[in-house]
C-alpha cells in the first residue's frame, strides 16, 4: 500500500453553491417564521407567483437574497420581516457557509386566516 501524503485543505478542490440551493434554504427558513404563510393556488405555482418566493445572487463567498412573503393578518409586518431577515441569514450562513451581504424582504400579500373574525367599527 502506498504511503498517503496529507494534502493541504486548500488544494483538495472547491465547493460551488448554486443560487438555487440558496433559494431553497432561504425559502425553508422563511416558512419557519411565525406569521409567514405559504400562499398561492396551483395555478400560481405553475406561473411562479407562489409565496414565499426567493431569488439570490451568489458571488464568491457572499450572497444577496431577495424574499417575497405572505403574512397572516393581523401580524406586525415589520416584526415578521425582521424575523425572516434573521432566519434567512442564519440558515444560509450555517448550511451554506456563505456571508450574507443583505436580505431584502418584501411583504407581497397579507392574508386573513380562515375563520378569523372581522370587526367593524360603527
N, C-alpha and C. Protein backbone atom coordinates (compact mmCIF):
# COMPACT_ATOMS: atom_id res chain seq x y z
N UNK A 1 0.84 -1.16 0.00
CA UNK A 1 0.00 0.00 0.00
C UNK A 1 0.90 1.24 0.00
N UNK A 2 0.57 2.19 -0.86
CA UNK A 2 1.37 3.42 -0.97
C UNK A 2 1.12 4.31 0.23
N UNK A 3 2.16 5.04 0.57
CA UNK A 3 2.01 5.99 1.67
C UNK A 3 1.09 7.13 1.24
N UNK A 4 0.12 7.42 2.08
CA UNK A 4 -0.78 8.53 1.80
C UNK A 4 -0.20 9.79 2.40
N UNK A 5 -0.02 10.78 1.56
CA UNK A 5 0.52 12.05 1.99
C UNK A 5 -0.65 13.01 2.18
N UNK A 6 -0.78 13.59 3.37
CA UNK A 6 -1.88 14.53 3.57
C UNK A 6 -1.74 15.73 2.64
N UNK A 7 -2.86 16.13 2.07
CA UNK A 7 -2.88 17.27 1.16
C UNK A 7 -3.53 18.44 1.89
N UNK A 8 -2.93 19.60 1.70
CA UNK A 8 -3.48 20.81 2.29
C UNK A 8 -4.94 20.98 1.85
N UNK A 9 -5.80 21.37 2.79
CA UNK A 9 -7.23 21.50 2.51
C UNK A 9 -7.51 22.46 1.36
N UNK A 10 -6.72 23.49 1.20
CA UNK A 10 -6.90 24.46 0.13
C UNK A 10 -6.59 23.91 -1.24
N UNK A 11 -5.92 22.77 -1.31
CA UNK A 11 -5.53 22.20 -2.59
C UNK A 11 -6.39 20.99 -2.97
N UNK A 12 -7.35 20.62 -2.15
CA UNK A 12 -8.17 19.43 -2.42
C UNK A 12 -9.25 19.65 -3.46
N UNK A 13 -9.66 20.87 -3.65
CA UNK A 13 -10.74 21.14 -4.60
C UNK A 13 -11.55 22.32 -4.13
N UNK A 14 -12.72 22.45 -4.71
CA UNK A 14 -13.55 23.59 -4.34
C UNK A 14 -15.01 23.16 -4.24
N UNK A 15 -15.77 24.00 -3.62
CA UNK A 15 -17.20 23.77 -3.48
C UNK A 15 -17.92 24.96 -4.05
N UNK A 16 -18.83 24.71 -4.97
CA UNK A 16 -19.63 25.77 -5.56
C UNK A 16 -21.07 25.56 -5.12
N UNK A 17 -21.66 26.58 -4.52
CA UNK A 17 -23.05 26.50 -4.08
C UNK A 17 -23.89 27.27 -5.09
N UNK A 18 -24.82 26.58 -5.73
CA UNK A 18 -25.67 27.20 -6.74
C UNK A 18 -26.69 28.13 -6.11
N UNK A 19 -27.07 29.16 -6.86
CA UNK A 19 -28.09 30.10 -6.40
C UNK A 19 -29.37 29.37 -5.99
N UNK A 20 -29.75 28.35 -6.72
CA UNK A 20 -30.99 27.63 -6.45
C UNK A 20 -30.96 26.96 -5.07
N UNK A 21 -29.79 26.50 -4.65
CA UNK A 21 -29.65 25.90 -3.32
C UNK A 21 -29.89 26.96 -2.25
N UNK A 22 -29.34 28.13 -2.45
CA UNK A 22 -29.55 29.23 -1.51
C UNK A 22 -31.03 29.61 -1.49
N UNK A 23 -31.66 29.62 -2.65
CA UNK A 23 -33.10 29.92 -2.73
C UNK A 23 -33.91 28.96 -1.86
N UNK A 24 -33.61 27.69 -1.96
CA UNK A 24 -34.35 26.68 -1.19
C UNK A 24 -34.08 26.82 0.32
N UNK A 25 -32.83 27.05 0.69
CA UNK A 25 -32.51 27.26 2.10
C UNK A 25 -33.27 28.47 2.66
N UNK A 26 -33.26 29.56 1.90
CA UNK A 26 -33.92 30.79 2.35
C UNK A 26 -35.44 30.61 2.40
N UNK A 27 -36.00 29.92 1.43
CA UNK A 27 -37.44 29.67 1.42
C UNK A 27 -37.86 28.85 2.63
N UNK A 28 -37.10 27.82 2.92
CA UNK A 28 -37.41 26.97 4.08
C UNK A 28 -37.30 27.77 5.38
N UNK A 29 -36.27 28.59 5.48
CA UNK A 29 -36.10 29.41 6.68
C UNK A 29 -37.26 30.41 6.84
N UNK A 30 -37.68 31.01 5.74
CA UNK A 30 -38.77 31.99 5.79
C UNK A 30 -40.08 31.34 6.21
N UNK A 31 -40.35 30.13 5.73
CA UNK A 31 -41.62 29.47 6.07
C UNK A 31 -41.67 29.06 7.54
N UNK A 32 -40.53 29.00 8.21
CA UNK A 32 -40.50 28.63 9.61
C UNK A 32 -40.79 29.80 10.55
N UNK A 33 -40.84 31.00 10.01
CA UNK A 33 -41.07 32.19 10.83
C UNK A 33 -42.57 32.33 11.12
N UNK A 34 -42.89 32.61 12.38
CA UNK A 34 -44.28 32.79 12.78
C UNK A 34 -44.89 33.97 12.02
N UNK A 35 -46.05 33.74 11.42
CA UNK A 35 -46.74 34.78 10.67
C UNK A 35 -46.58 34.66 9.18
N UNK A 36 -45.56 33.94 8.71
CA UNK A 36 -45.38 33.75 7.27
C UNK A 36 -46.23 32.57 6.84
N UNK A 37 -46.99 32.76 5.76
CA UNK A 37 -47.84 31.68 5.26
C UNK A 37 -47.45 31.36 3.83
N UNK A 38 -47.58 30.09 3.48
CA UNK A 38 -47.43 29.69 2.09
C UNK A 38 -48.70 30.09 1.39
N UNK A 39 -48.57 30.75 0.28
CA UNK A 39 -49.72 31.33 -0.37
C UNK A 39 -49.68 31.08 -1.86
N UNK A 40 -50.83 30.82 -2.41
CA UNK A 40 -50.94 30.67 -3.85
C UNK A 40 -51.68 29.41 -4.22
N UNK A 41 -52.38 29.49 -5.32
CA UNK A 41 -53.11 28.34 -5.84
C UNK A 41 -52.19 27.49 -6.69
N UNK A 42 -52.71 26.39 -7.20
CA UNK A 42 -51.89 25.55 -8.07
C UNK A 42 -51.55 26.29 -9.37
N UNK A 43 -52.44 27.17 -9.82
CA UNK A 43 -52.15 27.99 -11.00
C UNK A 43 -51.01 28.96 -10.69
N UNK A 44 -51.05 29.56 -9.50
CA UNK A 44 -49.95 30.45 -9.08
C UNK A 44 -48.63 29.71 -9.07
N UNK A 45 -48.67 28.47 -8.64
CA UNK A 45 -47.45 27.66 -8.59
C UNK A 45 -46.88 27.44 -9.99
N UNK A 46 -47.76 27.21 -10.96
CA UNK A 46 -47.32 26.99 -12.33
C UNK A 46 -46.68 28.22 -12.95
N UNK A 47 -47.22 29.39 -12.63
CA UNK A 47 -46.70 30.62 -13.24
C UNK A 47 -45.68 31.34 -12.36
N UNK A 48 -45.33 30.75 -11.23
CA UNK A 48 -44.27 31.30 -10.39
C UNK A 48 -44.70 32.42 -9.47
N UNK A 49 -45.98 32.46 -9.09
CA UNK A 49 -46.44 33.51 -8.18
C UNK A 49 -46.68 33.00 -6.76
N UNK A 50 -46.29 31.78 -6.48
CA UNK A 50 -46.47 31.21 -5.15
C UNK A 50 -45.52 31.91 -4.18
N UNK A 51 -45.99 32.10 -2.96
CA UNK A 51 -45.18 32.73 -1.93
C UNK A 51 -44.93 31.75 -0.80
N UNK A 52 -43.81 31.77 -0.12
CA UNK A 52 -42.72 32.71 -0.33
C UNK A 52 -41.96 32.42 -1.62
N UNK A 53 -41.42 33.49 -2.18
CA UNK A 53 -40.63 33.40 -3.41
C UNK A 53 -39.26 34.01 -3.10
N UNK A 54 -38.22 33.32 -3.51
CA UNK A 54 -36.86 33.75 -3.16
C UNK A 54 -35.99 33.77 -4.41
N UNK A 55 -35.13 34.77 -4.48
CA UNK A 55 -34.09 34.78 -5.50
C UNK A 55 -32.80 35.24 -4.82
N UNK A 56 -31.71 34.68 -5.26
CA UNK A 56 -30.43 35.01 -4.64
C UNK A 56 -29.37 35.20 -5.70
N UNK A 57 -28.33 35.86 -5.30
CA UNK A 57 -27.19 36.11 -6.18
C UNK A 57 -25.94 35.77 -5.38
N UNK A 58 -25.27 34.69 -5.79
CA UNK A 58 -24.06 34.24 -5.10
C UNK A 58 -22.85 34.65 -5.92
N UNK A 59 -21.93 35.35 -5.27
CA UNK A 59 -20.68 35.76 -5.92
C UNK A 59 -19.55 35.50 -4.94
N UNK A 60 -18.72 34.55 -5.30
CA UNK A 60 -17.63 34.19 -4.39
C UNK A 60 -18.21 33.58 -3.14
N UNK A 61 -17.79 34.06 -2.01
CA UNK A 61 -18.29 33.54 -0.74
C UNK A 61 -19.39 34.39 -0.14
N UNK A 62 -20.01 35.25 -0.98
CA UNK A 62 -21.05 36.14 -0.48
C UNK A 62 -22.34 35.97 -1.28
N UNK A 63 -23.44 36.32 -0.64
CA UNK A 63 -24.73 36.25 -1.32
C UNK A 63 -25.63 37.38 -0.89
N UNK A 64 -26.52 37.74 -1.77
CA UNK A 64 -27.58 38.72 -1.52
C UNK A 64 -28.88 37.98 -1.82
N UNK A 65 -29.87 38.09 -0.91
CA UNK A 65 -31.10 37.31 -1.03
C UNK A 65 -32.31 38.25 -1.03
N UNK A 66 -33.22 38.04 -1.98
CA UNK A 66 -34.49 38.75 -2.03
C UNK A 66 -35.59 37.76 -1.69
N UNK A 67 -36.45 38.11 -0.73
CA UNK A 67 -37.52 37.22 -0.28
C UNK A 67 -38.85 37.96 -0.36
N UNK A 68 -39.82 37.36 -1.03
CA UNK A 68 -41.19 37.88 -1.04
C UNK A 68 -42.04 36.93 -0.22
N UNK A 69 -42.82 37.48 0.70
CA UNK A 69 -43.60 36.64 1.60
C UNK A 69 -45.06 37.09 1.66
N UNK A 70 -45.89 36.17 2.13
CA UNK A 70 -47.27 36.48 2.50
C UNK A 70 -47.33 36.38 4.02
N UNK A 71 -48.01 37.34 4.65
CA UNK A 71 -48.07 37.39 6.11
C UNK A 71 -49.52 37.23 6.55
N UNK A 72 -49.68 36.45 7.59
CA UNK A 72 -51.01 36.23 8.16
C UNK A 72 -51.45 37.50 8.91
N UNK A 73 -52.64 37.93 8.62
CA UNK A 73 -53.22 39.09 9.31
C UNK A 73 -53.71 38.66 10.66
N UNK A 74 -53.53 39.34 11.71
CA UNK A 74 -53.07 40.72 11.92
C UNK A 74 -51.65 40.81 12.49
N UNK A 75 -50.71 40.10 11.95
CA UNK A 75 -49.33 40.14 12.44
C UNK A 75 -48.68 41.50 12.11
N UNK A 76 -47.73 41.91 12.92
CA UNK A 76 -46.98 43.14 12.68
C UNK A 76 -45.99 42.89 11.54
N UNK A 77 -46.19 43.55 10.42
CA UNK A 77 -45.40 43.28 9.22
C UNK A 77 -43.91 43.52 9.43
N UNK A 78 -43.56 44.60 10.10
CA UNK A 78 -42.15 44.89 10.35
C UNK A 78 -41.47 43.83 11.19
N UNK A 79 -42.17 43.35 12.20
CA UNK A 79 -41.61 42.30 13.06
C UNK A 79 -41.40 41.00 12.30
N UNK A 80 -42.38 40.65 11.46
CA UNK A 80 -42.25 39.42 10.67
C UNK A 80 -41.09 39.55 9.68
N UNK A 81 -40.99 40.70 9.01
CA UNK A 81 -39.90 40.92 8.05
C UNK A 81 -38.54 40.85 8.73
N UNK A 82 -38.42 41.42 9.91
CA UNK A 82 -37.16 41.36 10.67
C UNK A 82 -36.82 39.92 11.04
N UNK A 83 -37.81 39.15 11.46
CA UNK A 83 -37.59 37.74 11.81
C UNK A 83 -37.19 36.93 10.59
N UNK A 84 -37.80 37.21 9.44
CA UNK A 84 -37.44 36.50 8.20
C UNK A 84 -36.00 36.83 7.82
N UNK A 85 -35.64 38.09 7.89
CA UNK A 85 -34.27 38.51 7.56
C UNK A 85 -33.26 37.77 8.43
N UNK A 86 -33.53 37.69 9.70
CA UNK A 86 -32.64 37.00 10.64
C UNK A 86 -32.58 35.49 10.37
N UNK A 87 -33.74 34.88 10.15
CA UNK A 87 -33.79 33.43 9.91
C UNK A 87 -33.07 33.04 8.62
N UNK A 88 -33.26 33.84 7.58
CA UNK A 88 -32.59 33.55 6.30
C UNK A 88 -31.08 33.71 6.44
N UNK A 89 -30.65 34.78 7.10
CA UNK A 89 -29.22 34.99 7.31
C UNK A 89 -28.59 33.84 8.08
N UNK A 90 -29.24 33.42 9.16
CA UNK A 90 -28.73 32.33 9.98
C UNK A 90 -28.66 31.02 9.19
N UNK A 91 -29.70 30.70 8.43
CA UNK A 91 -29.75 29.44 7.69
C UNK A 91 -28.69 29.39 6.58
N UNK A 92 -28.58 30.45 5.82
CA UNK A 92 -27.61 30.47 4.71
C UNK A 92 -26.19 30.44 5.25
N UNK A 93 -25.93 31.15 6.33
CA UNK A 93 -24.59 31.14 6.92
C UNK A 93 -24.26 29.76 7.48
N UNK A 94 -25.21 29.16 8.20
CA UNK A 94 -24.95 27.87 8.85
C UNK A 94 -24.84 26.72 7.85
N UNK A 95 -25.73 26.67 6.88
CA UNK A 95 -25.79 25.50 6.00
C UNK A 95 -24.97 25.63 4.72
N UNK A 96 -24.76 26.85 4.25
CA UNK A 96 -24.00 27.02 3.01
C UNK A 96 -22.63 27.62 3.25
N UNK A 97 -22.42 28.17 4.45
CA UNK A 97 -21.12 28.74 4.76
C UNK A 97 -20.82 30.03 4.02
N UNK A 98 -21.85 30.72 3.56
CA UNK A 98 -21.67 31.96 2.82
C UNK A 98 -21.89 33.17 3.74
N UNK A 99 -21.27 34.27 3.39
CA UNK A 99 -21.53 35.53 4.08
C UNK A 99 -22.72 36.17 3.42
N UNK A 100 -23.73 36.50 4.21
CA UNK A 100 -24.92 37.14 3.68
C UNK A 100 -24.73 38.65 3.74
N UNK A 101 -24.67 39.26 2.57
CA UNK A 101 -24.45 40.70 2.47
C UNK A 101 -25.75 41.45 2.79
N UNK A 102 -26.88 40.94 2.27
CA UNK A 102 -28.17 41.60 2.50
C UNK A 102 -29.29 40.61 2.28
N UNK A 103 -30.37 40.80 3.03
CA UNK A 103 -31.61 40.06 2.81
C UNK A 103 -32.71 41.11 2.70
N UNK A 104 -33.25 41.26 1.50
CA UNK A 104 -34.34 42.21 1.27
C UNK A 104 -35.66 41.45 1.34
N UNK A 105 -36.54 41.87 2.24
CA UNK A 105 -37.82 41.19 2.44
C UNK A 105 -38.94 42.11 1.96
N UNK A 106 -39.81 41.56 1.10
CA UNK A 106 -40.98 42.28 0.61
C UNK A 106 -42.21 41.53 1.06
N UNK A 107 -43.12 42.23 1.73
CA UNK A 107 -44.41 41.63 2.07
C UNK A 107 -45.30 41.87 0.86
N UNK A 108 -45.51 40.81 0.09
CA UNK A 108 -46.26 40.92 -1.16
C UNK A 108 -47.76 40.71 -0.97
N UNK A 109 -48.12 40.09 0.13
CA UNK A 109 -49.53 39.79 0.35
C UNK A 109 -49.79 39.66 1.84
N UNK A 110 -50.95 40.13 2.27
CA UNK A 110 -51.42 39.93 3.64
C UNK A 110 -52.67 39.07 3.52
N UNK A 111 -52.68 37.95 4.23
CA UNK A 111 -53.79 37.01 4.11
C UNK A 111 -54.50 36.84 5.43
N UNK A 112 -55.80 36.82 5.34
CA UNK A 112 -56.63 36.58 6.52
C UNK A 112 -56.76 35.08 6.70
N UNK A 113 -56.57 34.63 7.92
CA UNK A 113 -56.70 33.21 8.19
C UNK A 113 -58.17 32.81 8.13
N UNK A 114 -58.44 31.58 7.76
CA UNK A 114 -59.80 31.08 7.67
C UNK A 114 -60.44 31.10 9.05
N UNK A 115 -61.65 31.62 9.12
CA UNK A 115 -62.37 31.63 10.38
C UNK A 115 -62.04 32.81 11.27
N UNK A 116 -61.21 33.74 10.77
CA UNK A 116 -60.88 34.91 11.58
C UNK A 116 -62.09 35.83 11.67
N UNK A 117 -62.22 36.46 12.78
CA UNK A 117 -63.34 37.37 13.00
C UNK A 117 -62.95 38.76 12.50
N UNK A 118 -63.81 39.32 11.68
CA UNK A 118 -63.56 40.68 11.19
C UNK A 118 -64.43 41.61 12.02
N UNK A 119 -63.81 42.58 12.64
CA UNK A 119 -64.56 43.51 13.48
C UNK A 119 -64.75 44.82 12.71
N UNK A 120 -65.93 45.34 12.84
CA UNK A 120 -66.23 46.61 12.19
C UNK A 120 -66.49 47.66 13.25
N UNK A 121 -66.03 48.83 12.97
CA UNK A 121 -66.29 49.95 13.87
C UNK A 121 -67.46 50.71 13.28
N UNK A 122 -68.47 50.92 14.11
CA UNK A 122 -69.64 51.64 13.61
C UNK A 122 -69.83 52.92 14.35
